[in-house]
Amino acid sequence: MPDVSLPTGRPRVPGTVLADQIGGWVGSAPLRTLVYRFGGAWPVGGLGEVLAELDEFSARHWDYRSGRERPDAREPAFDPETVRLVQDAAAALGLVRAVPPALPGYAHLVVLGGLAHACVRRVSYAAHLVRTGPRVTGEVALLGSFRPLSEVERAVLTAAGIADCDTEVEVLDAAVRLAFGLAAPSDEDGHDAGHPHHSWSSRTYRPAGLPPVRVLAAPSSEPDRRRAHTADTQRFWAEHVRLSPGDPVLVVTAPIYVPFQHCDALRTLAVPYGCGIETVGVDPTLVALARVPEPTLTPGRYLQEIRSAIRAMRALHASISAPAGPAS
């Protein structure tokens, strides 16, 4: 299957252009093939209607989390032909291959938190990039939350020689000290509200000869319902750093999450601030990442994150389609 381009991350792109590009991704042959394979008919109507129907379809057929965290998602059993189609579609839709950063420099490098192994791998990759790759003139920001770790995550950390971590943000903090060879932050700030969904923290490290490294735990925008998610952490970081229109921002995640987290970054950073967004996945060939290997990526995992991408594109489309408020 031919590769399908994600919506552009160039600064200040008109909403009409982004909408056309969202339509190109969701209407692509690989996604249509998956819908047909799972017994669906292609939605009719405008882009908003198509996105809504794909969201509903993917909830019925590809949501293996059912409200649980990713490690607790069930893994479906598929026949070999379906496995092949899912893997081919995931590759074409941008969930498989790691692509290096395209620019020689960025205003900021943003690392998105996640499961424990992913936090360690992404921080290691960020340290590799700032030492050997593009120049970063602002800061390296690691964005997480106070999500408690599962027993499986704790076991992964123990095997990697990392101890005394209870939450996602503590893993990010430990990974910074390990990857950058630092003992303690130079600055700390935060607010303990007595509940992790309401609390936040910020720790800044200053490695010699490199940009400052900030570890940020965000509060939830819906604390009565859930923990902070990716968009919350991006929005919270944007409030703590001076983003200027045109600033190129490099976002680092895992390849499987690139489509959905790229679209979240467009919605929460590029659209309101006018900055540029480039989203890349960790390069799995780096020797430094071998200490914490990536778990096997299954067809169910790929379908779950294709659903995440559909939902992120639906939210992005809604944000660029909403009528502007009254002038003040």
Protein backbone atom coordinates (compact mmCIF):
# COMPACT_ATOMS: atom_id res chain seq x y z
CA MET A 1 0.00 0.00 0.00
CA PRO A 2 1.32 3.53 -0.74
CA ASP A 3 2.21 5.72 2.22
CA VAL A 4 -0.42 8.26 3.31
CA SER A 5 0.68 11.73 4.42
CA LEU A 6 -0.42 13.18 7.74
CA PRO A 7 -1.75 16.76 7.95
CA THR A 8 1.11 19.22 7.59
CA GLY A 9 2.81 20.71 10.61
CA ARG A 10 3.96 23.85 8.84
CA PRO A 11 3.24 27.03 10.82
CA ARG A 12 0.02 29.00 10.26
CA VAL A 13 -1.55 26.60 7.76
CA PRO A 14 -5.13 27.64 6.83
CA GLY A 15 -7.86 25.49 8.29
CA THR A 16 -9.16 24.66 4.84
CA VAL A 17 -5.81 23.10 3.94
CA LEU A 18 -5.73 21.06 7.16
CA ALA A 19 -9.28 19.88 6.50
CA ASP A 20 -8.33 18.69 3.00
CA GLN A 21 -5.35 16.82 4.43
CA ILE A 22 -7.43 15.23 7.19
CA GLY A 23 -9.84 14.11 4.48
CA GLY A 24 -6.95 12.64 2.49
CA TRP A 25 -5.78 10.53 5.45
CA VAL A 26 -9.16 9.26 6.59
CA GLY A 27 -10.33 8.66 3.03
CA SER A 28 -7.20 6.79 1.99
CA ALA A 29 -7.18 3.31 0.49
CA PRO A 30 -5.51 1.64 3.53
CA LEU A 31 -8.18 2.87 5.94
CA ARG A 32 -11.00 2.02 3.53
CA THR A 33 -9.56 -1.49 3.18
CA LEU A 34 -9.65 -1.97 6.96
CA VAL A 35 -13.23 -0.71 7.24
CA TYR A 36 -14.36 -3.10 4.50
CA ARG A 37 -12.42 -5.98 6.07
CA PHE A 38 -14.30 -5.50 9.34
CA GLY A 39 -17.68 -5.49 7.59
CA GLY A 40 -18.23 -1.75 7.34
CA ALA A 41 -19.60 0.41 4.55
CA TRP A 42 -17.81 3.64 3.76
CA PRO A 43 -19.55 6.65 5.37
CA VAL A 44 -21.27 9.22 3.19
CA GLY A 45 -21.60 12.95 3.76
CA GLY A 46 -19.23 15.75 4.61
CA LEU A 47 -15.90 15.31 6.39
CA GLY A 48 -17.41 15.92 9.82
CA GLU A 49 -20.00 13.22 9.22
CA VAL A 50 -17.40 10.78 7.87
CA LEU A 51 -15.18 11.33 10.92
CA ALA A 52 -18.12 10.85 13.30
CA GLU A 53 -19.14 7.58 11.63
CA LEU A 54 -15.55 6.30 11.57
CA ASP A 55 -15.24 7.15 15.26
CA GLU A 56 -18.38 5.15 16.00
CA PHE A 57 -17.31 2.26 13.74
CA SER A 58 -13.85 2.05 15.32
CA ALA A 59 -15.43 2.12 18.80
CA ARG A 60 -17.41 -1.00 17.91
CA HIS A 61 -14.64 -2.91 16.13
CA TRP A 62 -11.21 -1.61 17.24
CA ASP A 63 -11.57 -0.42 20.83
CA TYR A 64 -9.88 -3.15 22.84
CA ARG A 65 -9.25 -0.91 25.87
CA SER A 66 -12.91 -0.25 26.76
CA GLY A 67 -11.86 2.59 29.04
CA ARG A 68 -8.87 0.75 30.52
CA GLU A 69 -5.22 1.79 30.29
CA ARG A 70 -3.29 0.50 27.28
CA PRO A 71 -1.50 -2.35 29.13
CA ASP A 72 -4.90 -3.75 30.12
CA ALA A 73 -6.32 -3.86 26.59
CA ARG A 74 -7.37 -7.28 25.34
CA GLU A 75 -5.72 -8.72 22.24
CA PRO A 76 -8.13 -10.12 19.62
CA ALA A 77 -7.43 -13.20 17.55
CA PHE A 78 -7.32 -12.63 13.78
CA ASP A 79 -6.82 -14.88 10.79
CA PRO A 80 -3.51 -14.51 8.89
CA GLU A 81 -5.01 -12.47 6.06
CA THR A 82 -6.49 -9.93 8.50
CA VAL A 83 -3.16 -9.73 10.33
CA ARG A 84 -1.40 -8.95 7.06
CA LEU A 85 -3.93 -6.30 6.08
CA VAL A 86 -3.71 -4.60 9.48
CA GLN A 87 0.09 -4.55 9.42
CA ASP A 88 0.20 -3.22 5.85
CA ALA A 89 -2.37 -0.53 6.62
CA ALA A 90 -0.57 0.51 9.81
CA ALA A 91 2.67 0.94 7.86
CA ALA A 92 0.99 2.97 5.12
CA LEU A 93 -0.85 5.18 7.64
CA GLY A 94 2.38 6.13 9.44
CA LEU A 95 2.31 3.94 12.58
CA VAL A 96 5.33 1.72 11.92
CA ARG A 97 8.46 3.31 10.49
CA ALA A 98 10.65 5.78 12.39
CA VAL A 99 11.58 8.91 10.40
CA PRO A 100 14.45 11.20 11.48
CA PRO A 101 13.84 14.92 12.16
CA ALA A 102 13.75 16.93 8.94
CA LEU A 103 15.02 20.34 10.09
CA PRO A 104 18.49 21.43 11.24
CA GLY A 105 17.06 23.16 14.30
CA TYR A 106 13.97 23.61 16.45
CA ALA A 107 12.74 26.11 19.02
CA HIS A 108 11.79 23.28 21.42
CA LEU A 109 11.91 19.50 21.63
CA VAL A 110 8.89 17.95 23.33
CA VAL A 111 8.92 14.36 24.61
CA LEU A 112 5.52 12.83 25.32
CA GLY A 113 5.13 10.53 28.30
CA GLY A 114 3.50 7.13 28.20
CA LEU A 115 4.06 3.66 29.56
CA ALA A 116 7.23 3.19 31.61
CA HIS A 117 9.30 1.54 28.89
CA ALA A 118 8.24 4.25 26.42
CA CYS A 119 9.25 7.06 28.78
CA VAL A 120 12.77 5.65 29.12
CA ARG A 121 13.15 5.03 25.39
CA ARG A 122 11.87 8.48 24.38
CA VAL A 123 14.07 10.33 26.86
CA SER A 124 17.11 8.34 25.67
CA TYR A 125 16.25 9.24 22.08
CA ALA A 126 15.83 12.92 22.99
CA ALA A 127 19.25 12.92 24.66
CA HIS A 128 20.72 11.35 21.52
CA LEU A 129 19.08 13.99 19.32
CA VAL A 130 20.28 17.03 21.27
CA ARG A 131 23.82 15.64 21.38
CA THR A 132 24.12 14.55 17.77
CA GLY A 133 21.23 15.91 15.75
CA PRO A 134 19.26 19.13 15.29
CA ARG A 135 19.98 22.21 17.39
CA VAL A 136 17.41 23.14 20.05
CA THR A 137 17.41 26.82 20.98
CA GLY A 138 14.73 26.67 23.69
CA GLU A 139 14.14 23.71 25.98
CA VAL A 140 13.65 19.97 26.00
CA ALA A 141 10.28 19.39 27.64
CA LEU A 142 9.16 16.01 28.95
CA LEU A 143 5.41 15.93 29.43
CA GLY A 144 3.67 13.48 31.72
CA SER A 145 1.16 13.07 34.51
CA PHE A 146 0.79 11.50 37.95
CA ARG A 147 -0.63 8.30 36.44
CA PRO A 148 0.31 5.41 38.75
CA LEU A 149 2.42 2.65 37.28
CA SER A 150 1.12 -0.88 36.80
CA GLU A 151 2.91 -3.91 38.19
CA VAL A 152 3.98 -4.81 34.65
CA GLU A 153 5.59 -1.39 34.24
CA ARG A 154 7.37 -1.72 37.57
CA ALA A 155 8.80 -5.06 36.47
CA VAL A 156 10.08 -3.51 33.21
CA LEU A 157 11.82 -0.75 35.17
CA THR A 158 13.35 -3.21 37.62
CA ALA A 159 14.78 -5.23 34.74
CA ALA A 160 16.31 -2.01 33.37
CA GLY A 161 17.86 -1.11 36.73
CA ILE A 162 15.48 1.76 37.50
CA ALA A 163 13.88 1.77 40.94
CA ASP A 164 11.71 3.89 43.24
CA CYS A 165 9.24 5.10 40.63
CA ASP A 166 5.51 5.13 41.36
CA THR A 167 4.15 7.39 38.61
CA GLU A 168 4.71 8.22 34.96
CA VAL A 169 6.35 11.57 35.75
CA GLU A 170 8.75 9.91 38.18
CA VAL A 171 9.85 7.58 35.37
CA LEU A 172 10.46 10.59 33.10
CA ASP A 173 12.48 12.22 35.87
CA ALA A 174 14.57 9.10 36.47
CA ALA A 175 15.12 8.70 32.73
CA VAL A 176 16.42 12.28 32.49
CA ARG A 177 18.94 11.69 35.26
CA LEU A 178 20.04 8.46 33.57
CA ALA A 179 20.21 9.71 29.96
CA PHE A 180 21.80 13.08 30.72
CA GLY A 181 24.00 11.96 33.62
CA LEU A 182 22.50 14.38 36.15
CA ALA A 183 21.96 14.03 39.88
CA ALA A 184 19.34 16.65 40.72
CA PRO A 185 17.24 19.43 39.16
CA SER A 186 18.32 23.05 39.39
CA ASP A 187 14.76 24.36 39.78
CA GLU A 188 11.53 22.87 41.14
CA ASP A 189 7.97 24.16 41.24
CA GLY A 190 4.46 22.76 41.51
CA HIS A 191 1.24 22.49 43.43
CA ASP A 192 0.04 19.51 45.48
CA ALA A 193 -3.74 19.79 45.49
CA GLY A 194 -4.22 16.57 47.42
CA HIS A 195 -5.32 14.65 44.32
CA PRO A 196 -3.19 13.71 41.29
CA HIS A 197 -5.81 14.89 38.77
CA HIS A 198 -5.60 18.42 40.20
CA SER A 199 -1.87 18.63 41.00
CA TRP A 200 1.10 19.67 38.86
CA SER A 201 4.89 19.70 39.11
CA SER A 202 7.86 21.09 37.20
CA ARG A 203 11.55 20.14 37.55
CA THR A 204 14.23 21.74 35.37
CA TYR A 205 17.68 20.24 34.77
CA ARG A 206 20.55 22.13 33.16
CA PRO A 207 23.01 19.74 31.49
CA ALA A 208 26.31 21.38 30.51
CA GLY A 209 26.45 22.46 26.86
CA LEU A 210 22.85 21.37 26.17
CA PRO A 211 19.46 23.06 26.35
CA PRO A 212 17.60 22.99 29.68
CA VAL A 213 15.48 19.90 30.28
CA ARG A 214 12.10 20.35 31.98
CA VAL A 215 10.03 17.48 33.41
CA LEU A 216 6.42 18.57 33.69
CA ALA A 217 3.40 16.79 35.18
CA ALA A 218 0.13 18.34 34.14
CA PRO A 219 -3.26 18.44 35.86
CA SER A 220 -6.34 17.09 34.12
CA SER A 221 -8.68 19.46 32.31
CA GLU A 222 -11.51 17.20 33.53
CA PRO A 223 -10.24 16.18 36.99
CA ASP A 224 -13.56 14.76 38.14
CA ARG A 225 -13.59 12.30 35.23
CA ARG A 226 -10.04 11.24 34.38
CA ARG A 227 -6.29 11.78 34.63
CA ALA A 228 -4.41 14.21 32.40
CA HIS A 229 -4.08 13.00 28.82
CA THR A 230 -1.74 13.96 25.96
CA ALA A 231 -3.59 17.12 24.96
CA ASP A 232 -3.69 18.29 28.60
CA THR A 233 0.07 17.93 28.95
CA GLN A 234 0.75 19.77 25.68
CA ARG A 235 -1.59 22.63 26.57
CA PHE A 236 -0.15 22.90 30.10
CA TRP A 237 3.40 23.05 28.74
CA ALA A 238 2.42 25.76 26.24
CA GLU A 239 1.24 27.88 29.16
CA HIS A 240 4.67 27.57 30.79
CA VAL A 241 6.86 28.37 27.78
CA ARG A 242 6.77 31.34 25.43
CA LEU A 243 5.72 29.91 22.10
CA SER A 244 5.94 32.35 19.22
CA PRO A 245 4.20 32.11 15.85
CA GLY A 246 6.45 30.25 13.46
CA ASP A 247 8.45 28.45 16.15
CA PRO A 248 9.29 24.94 14.93
CA VAL A 249 8.54 22.36 17.65
CA LEU A 250 9.80 18.77 17.43
CA VAL A 251 7.58 16.20 19.16
CA VAL A 252 9.04 12.80 20.07
CA THR A 253 6.88 9.76 20.71
CA ALA A 254 6.76 6.12 19.55
CA PRO A 255 6.07 5.43 15.85
CA ILE A 256 2.74 3.74 16.63
CA TYR A 257 1.45 6.96 18.26
CA VAL A 258 2.74 9.45 15.67
CA PRO A 259 -0.54 10.00 13.77
CA PHE A 260 -2.76 10.63 16.78
CA GLN A 261 -0.25 12.60 18.83
CA HIS A 262 0.74 14.69 15.82
CA CYS A 263 -2.90 15.70 15.34
CA ASP A 264 -3.29 16.40 19.06
CA ALA A 265 -0.24 18.67 18.87
CA LEU A 266 -1.67 20.46 15.84
CA ARG A 267 -4.91 21.09 17.75
CA THR A 268 -3.41 22.14 21.09
CA LEU A 269 -0.24 23.91 19.91
CA ALA A 270 -0.15 24.72 16.18
CA VAL A 271 -3.70 26.03 15.77
CA PRO A 272 -3.83 28.32 18.83
CA TYR A 273 -0.17 29.44 18.84
CA GLY A 274 0.75 29.43 15.15
CA CYS A 275 3.85 27.31 15.74
CA GLY A 276 5.14 24.52 13.53
CA ILE A 277 4.86 20.87 14.56
CA GLU A 278 6.95 17.94 13.43
CA THR A 279 6.27 14.60 15.11
CA VAL A 280 8.76 11.73 14.96
CA GLY A 281 8.93 8.26 16.43
CA VAL A 282 11.88 6.85 18.36
CA ASP A 283 14.43 5.14 16.12
CA PRO A 284 14.45 1.51 17.37
CA THR A 285 17.90 0.79 15.92
CA LEU A 286 19.78 2.88 18.48
CA VAL A 287 21.89 0.74 20.80
CA ALA A 288 21.10 2.99 23.78
CA LEU A 289 17.47 1.88 23.65
CA ALA A 290 18.26 -1.82 23.97
CA ARG A 291 18.17 -1.69 27.80
CA VAL A 292 14.38 -1.19 27.63
CA PRO A 293 13.06 -3.06 24.56
CA GLU A 294 9.75 -2.17 22.91
CA PRO A 295 7.03 -4.77 23.60
CA THR A 296 5.70 -6.66 20.61
CA LEU A 297 3.30 -4.54 18.60
CA THR A 298 0.28 -6.64 17.73
CA PRO A 299 -2.55 -6.15 15.21
CA GLY A 300 -4.86 -5.20 18.07
CA ARG A 301 -2.44 -2.49 19.21
CA TYR A 302 -2.26 -1.06 15.69
CA LEU A 303 -6.03 -1.01 15.27
CA GLN A 304 -6.44 0.66 18.66
CA GLU A 305 -4.07 3.47 17.66
CA ILE A 306 -5.63 3.84 14.21
CA ARG A 307 -8.82 4.49 16.16
CA SER A 308 -6.91 7.02 18.30
CA ALA A 309 -5.76 8.77 15.13
CA ILE A 310 -9.34 8.94 13.80
CA ARG A 311 -10.52 10.49 17.05
CA ALA A 312 -7.62 12.97 17.11
CA MET A 313 -8.38 14.01 13.53
CA ARG A 314 -12.04 14.41 14.40
CA ALA A 315 -11.11 16.71 17.31
CA LEU A 316 -8.67 18.65 15.11
CA HIS A 317 -11.31 19.06 12.41
CA ALA A 318 -13.81 20.32 14.99
CA SER A 319 -11.31 22.86 16.29
CA ILE A 320 -10.64 24.34 12.85
CA SER A 321 -14.31 24.24 11.86
CA ALA A 322 -15.70 26.01 14.93
CA PRO A 323 -16.90 29.55 14.26
CA ALA A 324 -14.70 32.31 15.63
CA GLY A 325 -15.91 34.02 18.79
CA PRO A 326 -16.98 37.66 18.86
CA ALA A 327 -14.23 40.25 18.63
CA SER A 328 -13.29 41.81 21.94
